[in-house]
């Protein structure tokens, strides 16, 4: 049975009390506030109203994403842009980075994934985010103390598996492609942002909200494993990757942000997964690509 990895410098999740303890040590982590809300108000407003001591604000749209286009609404930024943002936030090579958002880790998981993708393994998300920290009675401040620039370097790219449009289509046909959006968007009943509603044919509905409890904390690893097993995902040696070592599980959402939360939850359950960064915003922009609507029909023949 999988166990929840400890945030001893490797992540992927850390509790509020453990983060508070680490902040009092001689080598504290870099704390990164990535609060963001679809449609606003801007997350920086929440940061200015109160944040964890020493936390620096990181903007999803300008620092964790490139310019919207054919690659979707939140494509990856240039590595140089990302590296500069992390250095200005005070992050050093080898230092633990802890990201937090308002509560359920759907935004902070994007930064977790990106740091891993660019070769920085020392990263965790604050389980339960700002809400868990505040409920624990831990200190909140409005004081902003900008740190000395760190020496963070982008060591590589591609250290986490990533899907392009073709790869997502392949996994939907012959692997397990999870749609992390709300069920009504998956079914195509509503689509508030993108060109059309629906889902990638063959994708399995797996809303990220089911990865956490009412408190916003991740479910225990064994609960997550049971959840994904209930969706038909394999959890047996030799069934998680293809002949080339690529994961047979992938995740997408609207624009590649909350799908990172799915990848993190899968990691907690012991399941390697690839992220389709372009996600539905990229897929649906091309009118030549097929679109499915309606309820999840369960596992298709190639999943057996």
Protein backbone atom coordinates (compact mmCIF):
# COMPACT_ATOMS: atom_id res chain seq x y z
CA UNK A 1 0.00 0.00 0.00
CA UNK A 2 1.42 3.44 -0.88
CA UNK A 3 2.41 5.79 1.92
CA UNK A 4 2.42 9.55 2.01
CA UNK A 5 5.99 10.74 1.35
CA UNK A 6 7.39 13.07 4.00
CA UNK A 7 8.38 16.61 3.09
CA UNK A 8 11.96 16.24 4.30
CA UNK A 9 13.19 18.17 1.30
CA UNK A 10 11.55 16.02 -1.37
CA UNK A 11 7.78 16.51 -0.97
CA UNK A 12 5.25 16.18 -2.41
CA UNK A 13 3.06 17.44 0.49
CA UNK A 14 3.79 18.99 3.87
CA UNK A 15 1.52 19.73 6.81
CA UNK A 16 1.18 23.16 8.41
CA UNK A 17 2.84 22.14 11.68
CA UNK A 18 5.82 20.60 9.89
CA UNK A 19 6.27 23.70 7.74
CA UNK A 20 6.12 25.89 10.85
CA UNK A 21 8.87 23.76 12.40
CA UNK A 22 11.07 23.96 9.30
CA UNK A 23 10.72 27.74 9.17
CA UNK A 24 12.42 27.92 12.56
CA UNK A 25 15.47 25.93 11.46
CA UNK A 26 18.82 27.21 10.23
CA UNK A 27 17.90 26.26 6.65
CA UNK A 28 14.26 27.26 6.21
CA UNK A 29 12.36 26.55 3.00
CA UNK A 30 11.41 29.19 0.45
CA UNK A 31 7.67 29.75 0.81
CA UNK A 32 5.77 30.68 -2.36
CA UNK A 33 2.22 32.05 -2.38
CA UNK A 34 0.44 31.14 -5.63
CA UNK A 35 -3.14 32.07 -4.78
CA UNK A 36 -5.24 32.63 -7.90
CA UNK A 37 -8.92 32.58 -8.80
CA UNK A 38 -10.48 32.04 -12.18
CA UNK A 39 -12.16 35.34 -13.05
CA UNK A 40 -10.46 37.17 -10.17
CA UNK A 41 -9.95 39.04 -7.99
CA UNK A 42 -6.17 38.87 -8.44
CA UNK A 43 -4.40 36.55 -6.04
CA UNK A 44 -1.92 39.28 -5.12
CA UNK A 45 -4.75 41.06 -3.31
CA UNK A 46 -5.09 38.08 -0.97
CA UNK A 47 -1.34 38.03 -0.50
CA UNK A 48 -1.29 41.71 0.49
CA UNK A 49 -4.14 41.14 2.94
CA UNK A 50 -2.13 38.48 4.74
CA UNK A 51 0.33 35.70 3.98
CA UNK A 52 2.69 33.23 5.62
CA UNK A 53 5.78 34.86 7.14
CA UNK A 54 8.51 35.20 4.54
CA UNK A 55 6.29 34.08 1.66
CA UNK A 56 6.76 35.64 -1.76
CA UNK A 57 3.91 35.97 -4.23
CA UNK A 58 4.16 34.14 -7.56
CA UNK A 59 1.66 35.01 -10.29
CA UNK A 60 0.19 32.10 -12.24
CA UNK A 61 -0.50 34.11 -15.39
CA UNK A 62 2.79 35.96 -15.75
CA UNK A 63 5.35 33.74 -13.99
CA UNK A 64 4.03 30.19 -14.23
CA UNK A 65 2.61 30.52 -17.75
CA UNK A 66 3.61 31.75 -21.16
CA UNK A 67 1.46 33.81 -23.48
CA UNK A 68 -1.88 32.17 -24.36
CA UNK A 69 -2.09 30.81 -27.88
CA UNK A 70 -2.20 27.54 -29.76
CA UNK A 71 -0.58 25.89 -26.74
CA UNK A 72 -3.57 26.75 -24.57
CA UNK A 73 -4.45 29.36 -21.98
CA UNK A 74 -1.62 28.48 -19.60
CA UNK A 75 1.29 27.09 -21.64
CA UNK A 76 4.63 26.71 -19.91
CA UNK A 77 6.76 29.86 -19.73
CA UNK A 78 10.23 30.06 -21.16
CA UNK A 79 12.71 28.41 -18.82
CA UNK A 80 14.64 31.69 -18.45
CA UNK A 81 11.49 33.52 -17.32
CA UNK A 82 10.67 30.83 -14.80
CA UNK A 83 14.23 30.68 -13.51
CA UNK A 84 14.34 34.44 -12.98
CA UNK A 85 11.06 34.38 -11.05
CA UNK A 86 12.32 31.66 -8.74
CA UNK A 87 15.60 33.46 -8.10
CA UNK A 88 13.81 36.73 -7.30
CA UNK A 89 11.64 34.79 -4.86
CA UNK A 90 14.84 33.78 -3.08
CA UNK A 91 14.94 30.11 -4.08
CA UNK A 92 18.33 28.43 -4.09
CA UNK A 93 19.47 25.19 -5.65
CA UNK A 94 19.00 22.38 -3.15
CA UNK A 95 16.57 24.40 -1.02
CA UNK A 96 13.12 23.13 -0.22
CA UNK A 97 10.38 25.19 -1.89
CA UNK A 98 6.90 25.07 -0.37
CA UNK A 99 3.98 26.34 -2.45
CA UNK A 100 0.54 27.15 -1.11
CA UNK A 101 -2.77 28.44 -2.40
CA UNK A 102 -6.15 29.15 -0.81
CA UNK A 103 -6.78 25.61 0.33
CA UNK A 104 -7.08 22.62 -1.98
CA UNK A 105 -3.67 22.76 -3.74
CA UNK A 106 -5.13 23.02 -7.26
CA UNK A 107 -2.89 26.01 -8.02
CA UNK A 108 0.14 25.20 -5.88
CA UNK A 109 0.38 21.81 -7.57
CA UNK A 110 1.19 23.65 -10.81
CA UNK A 111 4.31 25.13 -9.21
CA UNK A 112 5.18 21.74 -7.66
CA UNK A 113 5.00 20.17 -11.12
CA UNK A 114 6.94 22.95 -12.83
CA UNK A 115 9.82 22.89 -10.37
CA UNK A 116 10.03 19.14 -10.81
CA UNK A 117 9.80 19.52 -14.59
CA UNK A 118 12.73 21.96 -14.59
CA UNK A 119 14.88 19.68 -12.44
CA UNK A 120 14.28 20.94 -8.87
CA UNK A 121 13.23 17.96 -6.74
CA UNK A 122 13.13 19.80 -3.42
CA UNK A 123 9.52 20.96 -3.53
CA UNK A 124 6.29 20.33 -1.66
CA UNK A 125 2.80 21.81 -1.47
CA UNK A 126 1.28 22.92 1.82
CA UNK A 127 -1.53 20.44 2.46
CA UNK A 128 -4.71 22.46 2.97
CA UNK A 129 -2.93 25.65 1.94
CA UNK A 130 -3.45 29.04 3.57
CA UNK A 131 -6.70 27.85 5.14
CA UNK A 132 -5.02 25.00 7.03
CA UNK A 133 -2.23 27.31 8.20
CA UNK A 134 -4.70 29.91 9.52
CA UNK A 135 -6.96 27.31 11.16
CA UNK A 136 -3.93 25.97 12.99
CA UNK A 137 -3.47 29.40 14.57
CA UNK A 138 -0.09 29.89 12.94
CA UNK A 139 1.20 33.42 12.26
CA UNK A 140 -0.07 35.53 9.39
CA UNK A 141 1.59 38.76 8.35
CA UNK A 142 1.18 41.66 5.95
CA UNK A 143 4.88 42.46 6.12
CA UNK A 144 6.76 41.84 2.87
CA UNK A 145 10.47 41.17 3.27
CA UNK A 146 11.97 40.55 -0.13
CA UNK A 147 14.85 38.10 0.19
CA UNK A 148 18.23 38.25 -1.42
CA UNK A 149 18.00 36.71 -4.91
CA UNK A 150 18.60 32.99 -4.88
CA UNK A 151 20.85 30.98 -7.16
CA UNK A 152 18.16 28.69 -8.54
CA UNK A 153 19.10 27.31 -11.93
CA UNK A 154 17.01 25.42 -14.44
CA UNK A 155 18.99 22.20 -14.55
CA UNK A 156 16.96 20.56 -17.30
CA UNK A 157 13.51 20.45 -18.80
CA UNK A 158 11.40 17.40 -19.27
CA UNK A 159 12.17 15.89 -15.85
CA UNK A 160 8.44 15.21 -15.49
CA UNK A 161 6.55 13.44 -18.31
CA UNK A 162 4.46 15.75 -20.45
CA UNK A 163 1.93 15.11 -23.21
CA UNK A 164 1.38 17.07 -26.39
CA UNK A 165 -1.85 16.91 -28.40
CA UNK A 166 -0.83 13.72 -30.16
CA UNK A 167 0.29 12.06 -26.94
CA UNK A 168 -2.99 12.92 -25.23
CA UNK A 169 -4.96 11.42 -28.11
CA UNK A 170 -2.81 8.28 -27.95
CA UNK A 171 -3.35 7.79 -24.23
CA UNK A 172 -7.09 8.35 -24.61
CA UNK A 173 -7.12 5.50 -27.16
CA UNK A 174 -4.70 3.06 -25.60
CA UNK A 175 -4.01 4.15 -22.02
CA UNK A 176 -5.77 6.08 -19.30
CA UNK A 177 -6.38 9.79 -19.83
CA UNK A 178 -8.07 11.45 -16.85
CA UNK A 179 -10.18 14.60 -17.26
CA UNK A 180 -9.74 16.62 -14.06
CA UNK A 181 -12.52 19.15 -14.70
CA UNK A 182 -15.95 19.21 -13.11
CA UNK A 183 -18.33 16.55 -14.51
CA UNK A 184 -20.64 19.08 -16.17
CA UNK A 185 -17.76 20.46 -18.23
CA UNK A 186 -16.64 16.94 -19.11
CA UNK A 187 -20.17 16.11 -20.30
CA UNK A 188 -20.31 19.31 -22.34
CA UNK A 189 -23.32 20.69 -20.50
CA UNK A 190 -21.50 23.95 -19.72
CA UNK A 191 -18.31 25.51 -21.01
CA UNK A 192 -17.62 28.93 -19.52
CA UNK A 193 -14.24 29.57 -21.14
CA UNK A 194 -13.25 27.48 -24.13
CA UNK A 195 -14.60 27.30 -27.68
CA UNK A 196 -16.77 24.26 -27.14
CA UNK A 197 -17.74 21.86 -24.38
CA UNK A 198 -17.12 18.15 -24.05
CA UNK A 199 -14.06 15.99 -23.61
CA UNK A 200 -11.35 14.14 -25.49
CA UNK A 201 -12.89 10.89 -26.78
CA UNK A 202 -11.88 8.03 -24.53
CA UNK A 203 -10.98 10.23 -21.55
CA UNK A 204 -12.22 9.23 -18.09
CA UNK A 205 -13.98 11.77 -15.87
CA UNK A 206 -11.97 12.19 -12.66
CA UNK A 207 -12.67 15.58 -11.00
CA UNK A 208 -9.80 16.84 -8.88
CA UNK A 209 -12.21 17.82 -6.10
CA UNK A 210 -12.45 14.12 -5.24
CA UNK A 211 -8.72 14.02 -4.38
CA UNK A 212 -9.30 16.05 -1.22
CA UNK A 213 -11.65 16.00 1.74
CA UNK A 214 -13.99 18.76 2.87
CA UNK A 215 -11.07 20.30 4.75
CA UNK A 216 -9.07 20.67 1.54
CA UNK A 217 -6.48 18.12 2.69
CA UNK A 218 -5.41 15.36 0.34
CA UNK A 219 -6.99 12.00 1.00
CA UNK A 220 -4.66 9.42 2.48
CA UNK A 221 -2.56 7.57 -0.12
CA UNK A 222 -4.54 4.36 0.34
CA UNK A 223 -7.79 6.27 -0.23
CA UNK A 224 -6.39 7.85 -3.37
CA UNK A 225 -5.21 4.46 -4.58
CA UNK A 226 -8.73 3.08 -4.04
CA UNK A 227 -10.23 6.04 -5.85
CA UNK A 228 -8.08 5.55 -8.93
CA UNK A 229 -8.55 1.79 -8.84
CA UNK A 230 -12.29 2.46 -8.90
CA UNK A 231 -11.76 4.37 -12.14
CA UNK A 232 -10.09 1.26 -13.58
CA UNK A 233 -6.48 2.39 -13.40
CA UNK A 234 -3.95 -0.43 -13.05
CA UNK A 235 -1.73 -0.70 -10.04
CA UNK A 236 0.30 -3.76 -10.83
CA UNK A 237 4.01 -4.07 -11.70
CA UNK A 238 4.63 -3.81 -15.42
CA UNK A 239 1.33 -2.09 -16.19
CA UNK A 240 2.14 1.54 -15.42
CA UNK A 241 4.49 2.38 -18.30
CA UNK A 242 4.81 1.41 -21.95
CA UNK A 243 7.77 -0.29 -23.61
CA UNK A 244 9.62 3.05 -23.80
CA UNK A 245 9.07 3.80 -20.11
CA UNK A 246 6.40 6.47 -20.70
CA UNK A 247 3.47 6.53 -18.27
CA UNK A 248 0.25 4.90 -19.41
CA UNK A 249 -1.68 7.43 -17.32
CA UNK A 250 -2.16 11.07 -18.26
CA UNK A 251 -4.20 13.99 -16.95
CA UNK A 252 -5.69 17.12 -18.45
CA UNK A 253 -8.08 19.86 -17.35
CA UNK A 254 -9.10 23.21 -18.80
CA UNK A 255 -5.67 24.76 -19.21
CA UNK A 256 -3.15 22.45 -17.56
CA UNK A 257 -3.30 23.85 -14.02
CA UNK A 258 -5.65 21.66 -12.00
CA UNK A 259 -4.45 18.63 -13.95
CA UNK A 260 -1.13 19.06 -12.12
CA UNK A 261 -3.13 18.47 -8.94
CA UNK A 262 -4.26 15.19 -10.48
CA UNK A 263 -0.66 14.23 -11.23
CA UNK A 264 0.29 15.01 -7.64
CA UNK A 265 -2.60 12.92 -6.27
CA UNK A 266 -1.61 10.06 -8.56
CA UNK A 267 1.97 10.35 -7.28
CA UNK A 268 0.71 10.06 -3.71
CA UNK A 269 -1.12 6.91 -4.77
CA UNK A 270 2.05 5.50 -6.32
CA UNK A 271 0.94 6.00 -9.93
CA UNK A 272 3.24 7.83 -12.38
CA UNK A 273 1.37 10.12 -14.76
CA UNK A 274 2.03 12.59 -17.55
CA UNK A 275 0.54 16.09 -17.76
CA UNK A 276 -1.14 17.43 -20.89
CA UNK A 277 -0.25 21.08 -20.38
CA UNK A 278 -2.33 22.41 -23.29
CA UNK A 279 -5.37 20.53 -22.00
CA UNK A 280 -8.88 21.31 -23.21
CA UNK A 281 -8.03 24.92 -24.09
CA UNK A 282 -5.54 23.66 -26.69
CA UNK A 283 -7.49 20.59 -27.79
CA UNK A 284 -10.80 22.37 -28.38
CA UNK A 285 -9.18 25.31 -30.19
CA UNK A 286 -8.57 23.09 -33.21
CA UNK A 287 -11.95 22.46 -34.83
CA UNK A 288 -10.55 19.41 -36.64
CA UNK A 289 -10.08 17.50 -33.38
CA UNK A 290 -12.84 15.14 -32.27
CA UNK A 291 -15.00 16.07 -29.28
CA UNK A 292 -17.13 13.74 -27.18
CA UNK A 293 -20.06 14.79 -25.02
CA UNK A 294 -22.35 13.11 -22.54
CA UNK A 295 -21.64 11.01 -19.47
CA UNK A 296 -18.61 8.84 -18.86
CA UNK A 297 -19.42 5.50 -20.47
CA UNK A 298 -17.00 3.64 -18.25
CA UNK A 299 -13.91 1.82 -19.41
CA UNK A 300 -13.65 1.25 -23.12
CA UNK A 301 -12.34 -2.01 -24.62
CA UNK A 302 -8.68 -0.93 -24.78
CA UNK A 303 -8.71 -0.33 -21.01
CA UNK A 304 -9.50 -3.96 -20.20
